[in-house]
């Protein structure tokens, strides 16, 4: 029984290490550049377009009152 528990603890430690490495890798690569492909390849998107889209999507977030 104790051998099983020790083996299980070791397996869990290995899983935790793999998860730690995965999360660390994801945190380091959060600033990836997004590429537009296909239909949107030749479309110019400006900062003004992005702001208009944000306001359209989150319009209630900008107009809330206490």
PDB file of N, CA and C in Angstrom:
ATOM      1  N   UNK A   1       0.816  -1.188   0.000  1.00  0.00           N
ATOM      2  CA  UNK A   1       0.000   0.000   0.000  1.00  0.00           C
ATOM      3  C   UNK A   1       0.863   1.257   0.000  1.00  0.00           C
ATOM      4  N   UNK A   2       1.896   1.322   0.857  1.00  0.00           N
ATOM      5  CA  UNK A   2       2.735   2.509   0.937  1.00  0.00           C
ATOM      6  C   UNK A   2       3.539   2.707  -0.354  1.00  0.00           C
ATOM      7  N   UNK A   3       3.895   1.613  -1.031  1.00  0.00           N
ATOM      8  CA  UNK A   3       4.595   1.735  -2.319  1.00  0.00           C
ATOM      9  C   UNK A   3       3.688   2.382  -3.349  1.00  0.00           C
ATOM     10  N   UNK A   4       2.419   2.002  -3.320  1.00  0.00           N
ATOM     11  CA  UNK A   4       1.448   2.590  -4.241  1.00  0.00           C
ATOM     12  C   UNK A   4       1.304   4.085  -3.968  1.00  0.00           C
ATOM     13  N   UNK A   5       1.216   4.458  -2.710  1.00  0.00           N
ATOM     14  CA  UNK A   5       1.050   5.862  -2.338  1.00  0.00           C
ATOM     15  C   UNK A   5       2.279   6.657  -2.780  1.00  0.00           C
ATOM     16  N   UNK A   6       3.467   6.130  -2.549  1.00  0.00           N
ATOM     17  CA  UNK A   6       4.684   6.818  -2.961  1.00  0.00           C
ATOM     18  C   UNK A   6       4.754   6.962  -4.487  1.00  0.00           C
ATOM     19  N   UNK A   7       4.370   5.930  -5.202  1.00  0.00           N
ATOM     20  CA  UNK A   7       4.365   5.995  -6.660  1.00  0.00           C
ATOM     21  C   UNK A   7       3.350   7.020  -7.150  1.00  0.00           C
ATOM     22  N   UNK A   8       2.207   7.066  -6.503  1.00  0.00           N
ATOM     23  CA  UNK A   8       1.161   8.031  -6.884  1.00  0.00           C
ATOM     24  C   UNK A   8       1.613   9.461  -6.594  1.00  0.00           C
ATOM     25  N   UNK A   9       2.279   9.674  -5.459  1.00  0.00           N
ATOM     26  CA  UNK A   9       2.798  11.002  -5.119  1.00  0.00           C
ATOM     27  C   UNK A   9       3.828  11.444  -6.154  1.00  0.00           C
ATOM     28  N   UNK A  10       4.695  10.526  -6.555  1.00  0.00           N
ATOM     29  CA  UNK A  10       5.698  10.845  -7.563  1.00  0.00           C
ATOM     30  C   UNK A  10       5.039  11.197  -8.899  1.00  0.00           C
ATOM     31  N   UNK A  11       4.008  10.468  -9.275  1.00  0.00           N
ATOM     32  CA  UNK A  11       3.294  10.754 -10.523  1.00  0.00           C
ATOM     33  C   UNK A  11       2.631  12.127 -10.462  1.00  0.00           C
ATOM     34  N   UNK A  12       2.056  12.450  -9.320  1.00  0.00           N
ATOM     35  CA  UNK A  12       1.412  13.759  -9.154  1.00  0.00           C
ATOM     36  C   UNK A  12       2.455  14.873  -9.210  1.00  0.00           C
ATOM     37  N   UNK A  13       3.612  14.650  -8.615  1.00  0.00           N
ATOM     38  CA  UNK A  13       4.679  15.651  -8.668  1.00  0.00           C
ATOM     39  C   UNK A  13       5.130  15.889 -10.111  1.00  0.00           C
ATOM     40  N   UNK A  14       5.227  14.826 -10.884  1.00  0.00           N
ATOM     41  CA  UNK A  14       5.614  14.961 -12.285  1.00  0.00           C
ATOM     42  C   UNK A  14       4.547  15.724 -13.073  1.00  0.00           C
ATOM     43  N   UNK A  15       3.275  15.433 -12.807  1.00  0.00           N
ATOM     44  CA  UNK A  15       2.190  16.159 -13.465  1.00  0.00           C
ATOM     45  C   UNK A  15       2.222  17.643 -13.100  1.00  0.00           C
ATOM     46  N   UNK A  16       2.466  17.943 -11.831  1.00  0.00           N
ATOM     47  CA  UNK A  16       2.537  19.333 -11.389  1.00  0.00           C
ATOM     48  C   UNK A  16       3.699  20.067 -12.056  1.00  0.00           C
ATOM     49  N   UNK A  17       4.815  19.414 -12.189  1.00  0.00           N
ATOM     50  CA  UNK A  17       5.963  20.024 -12.856  1.00  0.00           C
ATOM     51  C   UNK A  17       5.649  20.306 -14.322  1.00  0.00           C
ATOM     52  N   UNK A  18       4.997  19.365 -14.991  1.00  0.00           N
ATOM     53  CA  UNK A  18       4.616  19.564 -16.393  1.00  0.00           C
ATOM     54  C   UNK A  18       3.632  20.732 -16.519  1.00  0.00           C
ATOM     55  N   UNK A  19       2.679  20.821 -15.608  1.00  0.00           N
ATOM     56  CA  UNK A  19       1.733  21.939 -15.621  1.00  0.00           C
ATOM     57  C   UNK A  19       2.429  23.264 -15.335  1.00  0.00           C
ATOM     58  N   UNK A  20       3.371  23.254 -14.398  1.00  0.00           N
ATOM     59  CA  UNK A  20       4.115  24.469 -14.078  1.00  0.00           C
ATOM     60  C   UNK A  20       4.868  24.971 -15.299  1.00  0.00           C
ATOM     61  N   UNK A  21       5.515  24.066 -16.018  1.00  0.00           N
ATOM     62  CA  UNK A  21       6.246  24.450 -17.219  1.00  0.00           C
ATOM     63  C   UNK A  21       5.304  24.973 -18.300  1.00  0.00           C
ATOM     64  N   UNK A  22       4.144  24.351 -18.448  1.00  0.00           N
ATOM     65  CA  UNK A  22       3.169  24.785 -19.438  1.00  0.00           C
ATOM     66  C   UNK A  22       2.667  26.189 -19.119  1.00  0.00           C
ATOM     67  N   UNK A  23       2.314  26.433 -17.876  1.00  0.00           N
ATOM     68  CA  UNK A  23       1.818  27.754 -17.475  1.00  0.00           C
ATOM     69  C   UNK A  23       2.917  28.801 -17.618  1.00  0.00           C
ATOM     70  N   UNK A  24       4.131  28.475 -17.221  1.00  0.00           N
ATOM     71  CA  UNK A  24       5.244  29.416 -17.350  1.00  0.00           C
ATOM     72  C   UNK A  24       5.468  29.769 -18.816  1.00  0.00           C
ATOM     73  N   UNK A  25       5.373  28.805 -19.690  1.00  0.00           N
ATOM     74  CA  UNK A  25       5.552  29.034 -21.123  1.00  0.00           C
ATOM     75  C   UNK A  25       4.439  29.929 -21.661  1.00  0.00           C
ATOM     76  N   UNK A  26       3.202  29.707 -21.216  1.00  0.00           N
ATOM     77  CA  UNK A  26       2.073  30.515 -21.677  1.00  0.00           C
ATOM     78  C   UNK A  26       2.183  31.948 -21.177  1.00  0.00           C
ATOM     79  N   UNK A  27       2.639  32.136 -19.949  1.00  0.00           N
ATOM     80  CA  UNK A  27       2.767  33.481 -19.387  1.00  0.00           C
ATOM     81  C   UNK A  27       3.847  34.265 -20.130  1.00  0.00           C
ATOM     82  N   UNK A  28       4.915  33.607 -20.496  1.00  0.00           N
ATOM     83  CA  UNK A  28       6.006  34.274 -21.196  1.00  0.00           C
ATOM     84  C   UNK A  28       5.603  34.669 -22.607  1.00  0.00           C
ATOM     85  N   UNK A  29       4.687  33.942 -23.226  1.00  0.00           N
ATOM     86  CA  UNK A  29       4.319  34.189 -24.615  1.00  0.00           C
ATOM     87  C   UNK A  29       2.959  34.856 -24.752  1.00  0.00           C
ATOM     88  N   UNK A  30       2.606  35.754 -23.838  1.00  0.00           N
ATOM     89  CA  UNK A  30       1.296  36.398 -23.911  1.00  0.00           C
ATOM     90  C   UNK A  30       1.265  37.529 -24.923  1.00  0.00           C
ATOM     91  N   UNK A  31       2.387  37.985 -25.397  1.00  0.00           N
ATOM     92  CA  UNK A  31       2.448  39.114 -26.317  1.00  0.00           C
ATOM     93  C   UNK A  31       2.647  38.660 -27.769  1.00  0.00           C
ATOM     94  N   UNK A  32       1.941  37.617 -28.173  1.00  0.00           N
ATOM     95  CA  UNK A  32       2.064  37.144 -29.550  1.00  0.00           C
ATOM     96  C   UNK A  32       1.381  38.123 -30.492  1.00  0.00           C
ATOM     97  N   UNK A  33       1.929  38.258 -31.679  1.00  0.00           N
ATOM     98  CA  UNK A  33       1.301  39.095 -32.686  1.00  0.00           C
ATOM     99  C   UNK A  33       0.261  38.255 -33.426  1.00  0.00           C
ATOM    100  N   UNK A  34      -0.910  38.829 -33.606  1.00  0.00           N
ATOM    101  CA  UNK A  34      -1.983  38.133 -34.293  1.00  0.00           C
ATOM    102  C   UNK A  34      -1.924  38.468 -35.777  1.00  0.00           C
ATOM    103  N   UNK A  35      -2.010  37.456 -36.609  1.00  0.00           N
ATOM    104  CA  UNK A  35      -1.974  37.652 -38.050  1.00  0.00           C
ATOM    105  C   UNK A  35      -3.363  37.414 -38.633  1.00  0.00           C
ATOM    106  N   UNK A  36      -3.775  38.336 -39.494  1.00  0.00           N
ATOM    107  CA  UNK A  36      -5.048  38.171 -40.175  1.00  0.00           C
ATOM    108  C   UNK A  36      -4.801  37.432 -41.482  1.00  0.00           C
ATOM    109  N   UNK A  37      -5.575  36.392 -41.710  1.00  0.00           N
ATOM    110  CA  UNK A  37      -5.382  35.578 -42.910  1.00  0.00           C
ATOM    111  C   UNK A  37      -6.690  35.443 -43.660  1.00  0.00           C
ATOM    112  N   UNK A  38      -6.596  34.925 -44.851  1.00  0.00           N
ATOM    113  CA  UNK A  38      -7.796  34.610 -45.618  1.00  0.00           C
ATOM    114  C   UNK A  38      -8.567  35.842 -46.028  1.00  0.00           C
ATOM    115  N   UNK A  39      -9.817  35.882 -45.667  1.00  0.00           N
ATOM    116  CA  UNK A  39     -10.731  36.944 -46.046  1.00  0.00           C
ATOM    117  C   UNK A  39     -10.248  38.322 -45.583  1.00  0.00           C
ATOM    118  N   UNK A  40      -9.599  38.395 -44.441  1.00  0.00           N
ATOM    119  CA  UNK A  40      -9.200  39.670 -43.854  1.00  0.00           C
ATOM    120  C   UNK A  40      -7.767  40.076 -44.201  1.00  0.00           C
ATOM    121  N   UNK A  41      -7.106  39.343 -45.077  1.00  0.00           N
ATOM    122  CA  UNK A  41      -5.689  39.554 -45.363  1.00  0.00           C
ATOM    123  C   UNK A  41      -5.375  40.973 -45.845  1.00  0.00           C
ATOM    124  N   UNK A  42      -6.157  41.530 -46.756  1.00  0.00           N
ATOM    125  CA  UNK A  42      -5.853  42.828 -47.342  1.00  0.00           C
ATOM    126  C   UNK A  42      -6.643  43.977 -46.723  1.00  0.00           C
ATOM    127  N   UNK A  43      -7.310  43.743 -45.612  1.00  0.00           N
ATOM    128  CA  UNK A  43      -8.121  44.772 -44.969  1.00  0.00           C
ATOM    129  C   UNK A  43      -7.253  45.556 -43.993  1.00  0.00           C
ATOM    130  N   UNK A  44      -7.354  46.887 -44.047  1.00  0.00           N
ATOM    131  CA  UNK A  44      -6.629  47.748 -43.117  1.00  0.00           C
ATOM    132  C   UNK A  44      -7.520  48.029 -41.917  1.00  0.00           C
ATOM    133  N   UNK A  45      -7.052  47.695 -40.732  1.00  0.00           N
ATOM    134  CA  UNK A  45      -7.799  47.934 -39.500  1.00  0.00           C
ATOM    135  C   UNK A  45      -7.025  48.952 -38.681  1.00  0.00           C
ATOM    136  N   UNK A  46      -7.674  50.068 -38.383  1.00  0.00           N
ATOM    137  CA  UNK A  46      -7.016  51.144 -37.648  1.00  0.00           C
ATOM    138  C   UNK A  46      -7.367  51.070 -36.164  1.00  0.00           C
ATOM    139  N   UNK A  47      -6.668  51.873 -35.379  1.00  0.00           N
ATOM    140  CA  UNK A  47      -6.975  51.958 -33.949  1.00  0.00           C
ATOM    141  C   UNK A  47      -8.389  52.507 -33.735  1.00  0.00           C
ATOM    142  N   UNK A  48      -8.803  53.395 -34.633  1.00  0.00           N
ATOM    143  CA  UNK A  48     -10.162  53.942 -34.558  1.00  0.00           C
ATOM    144  C   UNK A  48     -11.193  52.833 -34.750  1.00  0.00           C
ATOM    145  N   UNK A  49     -10.940  51.927 -35.681  1.00  0.00           N
ATOM    146  CA  UNK A  49     -11.840  50.793 -35.915  1.00  0.00           C
ATOM    147  C   UNK A  49     -11.925  49.903 -34.677  1.00  0.00           C
ATOM    148  N   UNK A  50     -10.797  49.670 -34.044  1.00  0.00           N
ATOM    149  CA  UNK A  50     -10.758  48.819 -32.856  1.00  0.00           C
ATOM    150  C   UNK A  50     -11.522  49.475 -31.712  1.00  0.00           C
ATOM    151  N   UNK A  51     -11.332  50.788 -31.520  1.00  0.00           N
ATOM    152  CA  UNK A  51     -12.066  51.494 -30.466  1.00  0.00           C
ATOM    153  C   UNK A  51     -13.568  51.461 -30.721  1.00  0.00           C
ATOM    154  N   UNK A  52     -13.982  51.639 -31.980  1.00  0.00           N
ATOM    155  CA  UNK A  52     -15.406  51.594 -32.314  1.00  0.00           C
ATOM    156  C   UNK A  52     -15.979  50.206 -32.027  1.00  0.00           C
ATOM    157  N   UNK A  53     -15.210  49.170 -32.341  1.00  0.00           N
ATOM    158  CA  UNK A  53     -15.665  47.800 -32.081  1.00  0.00           C
ATOM    159  C   UNK A  53     -15.774  47.546 -30.576  1.00  0.00           C
ATOM    160  N   UNK A  54     -14.796  48.027 -29.798  1.00  0.00           N
ATOM    161  CA  UNK A  54     -14.848  47.854 -28.341  1.00  0.00           C
ATOM    162  C   UNK A  54     -16.086  48.525 -27.761  1.00  0.00           C
ATOM    163  N   UNK A  55     -16.358  49.740 -28.223  1.00  0.00           N
ATOM    164  CA  UNK A  55     -17.518  50.462 -27.709  1.00  0.00           C
ATOM    165  C   UNK A  55     -18.813  49.786 -28.115  1.00  0.00           C
ATOM    166  N   UNK A  56     -18.847  49.193 -29.300  1.00  0.00           N
ATOM    167  CA  UNK A  56     -20.055  48.489 -29.737  1.00  0.00           C
ATOM    168  C   UNK A  56     -20.274  47.231 -28.906  1.00  0.00           C
ATOM    169  N   UNK A  57     -19.209  46.522 -28.623  1.00  0.00           N
ATOM    170  CA  UNK A  57     -19.322  45.272 -27.876  1.00  0.00           C
ATOM    171  C   UNK A  57     -19.584  45.538 -26.399  1.00  0.00           C
ATOM    172  N   UNK A  58     -18.894  46.535 -25.854  1.00  0.00           N
ATOM    173  CA  UNK A  58     -18.982  46.802 -24.419  1.00  0.00           C
ATOM    174  C   UNK A  58     -19.751  48.085 -24.127  1.00  0.00           C
ATOM    175  N   UNK A  59     -20.745  48.414 -24.940  1.00  0.00           N
ATOM    176  CA  UNK A  59     -21.442  49.692 -24.789  1.00  0.00           C
ATOM    177  C   UNK A  59     -22.098  49.842 -23.426  1.00  0.00           C
ATOM    178  N   UNK A  60     -22.609  48.769 -22.851  1.00  0.00           N
ATOM    179  CA  UNK A  60     -23.234  48.858 -21.531  1.00  0.00           C
ATOM    180  C   UNK A  60     -22.197  49.053 -20.425  1.00  0.00           C
ATOM    181  N   UNK A  61     -20.995  48.628 -20.645  1.00  0.00           N
ATOM    182  CA  UNK A  61     -19.953  48.784 -19.639  1.00  0.00           C
ATOM    183  C   UNK A  61     -19.534  50.247 -19.522  1.00  0.00           C
ATOM    184  N   UNK A  62     -19.672  51.014 -20.617  1.00  0.00           N
ATOM    185  CA  UNK A  62     -19.289  52.414 -20.583  1.00  0.00           C
ATOM    186  C   UNK A  62     -20.416  53.302 -20.062  1.00  0.00           C
ATOM    187  N   UNK A  63     -21.662  52.820 -20.059  1.00  0.00           N
ATOM    188  CA  UNK A  63     -22.807  53.639 -19.707  1.00  0.00           C
ATOM    189  C   UNK A  63     -23.513  53.190 -18.435  1.00  0.00           C
ATOM    190  N   UNK A  64     -22.837  52.547 -17.513  1.00  0.00           N
ATOM    191  CA  UNK A  64     -23.480  52.080 -16.306  1.00  0.00           C
ATOM    192  C   UNK A  64     -23.445  53.156 -15.238  1.00  0.00           C
ATOM    193  N   UNK A  65     -24.409  53.102 -14.356  1.00  0.00           N
ATOM    194  CA  UNK A  65     -24.495  54.047 -13.251  1.00  0.00           C
ATOM    195  C   UNK A  65     -24.684  53.277 -11.953  1.00  0.00           C
ATOM    196  N   UNK A  66     -24.207  53.867 -10.858  1.00  0.00           N
ATOM    197  CA  UNK A  66     -24.343  53.206  -9.544  1.00  0.00           C
ATOM    198  C   UNK A  66     -25.761  53.220  -9.065  1.00  0.00           C
TER     199      UNK A  66
END
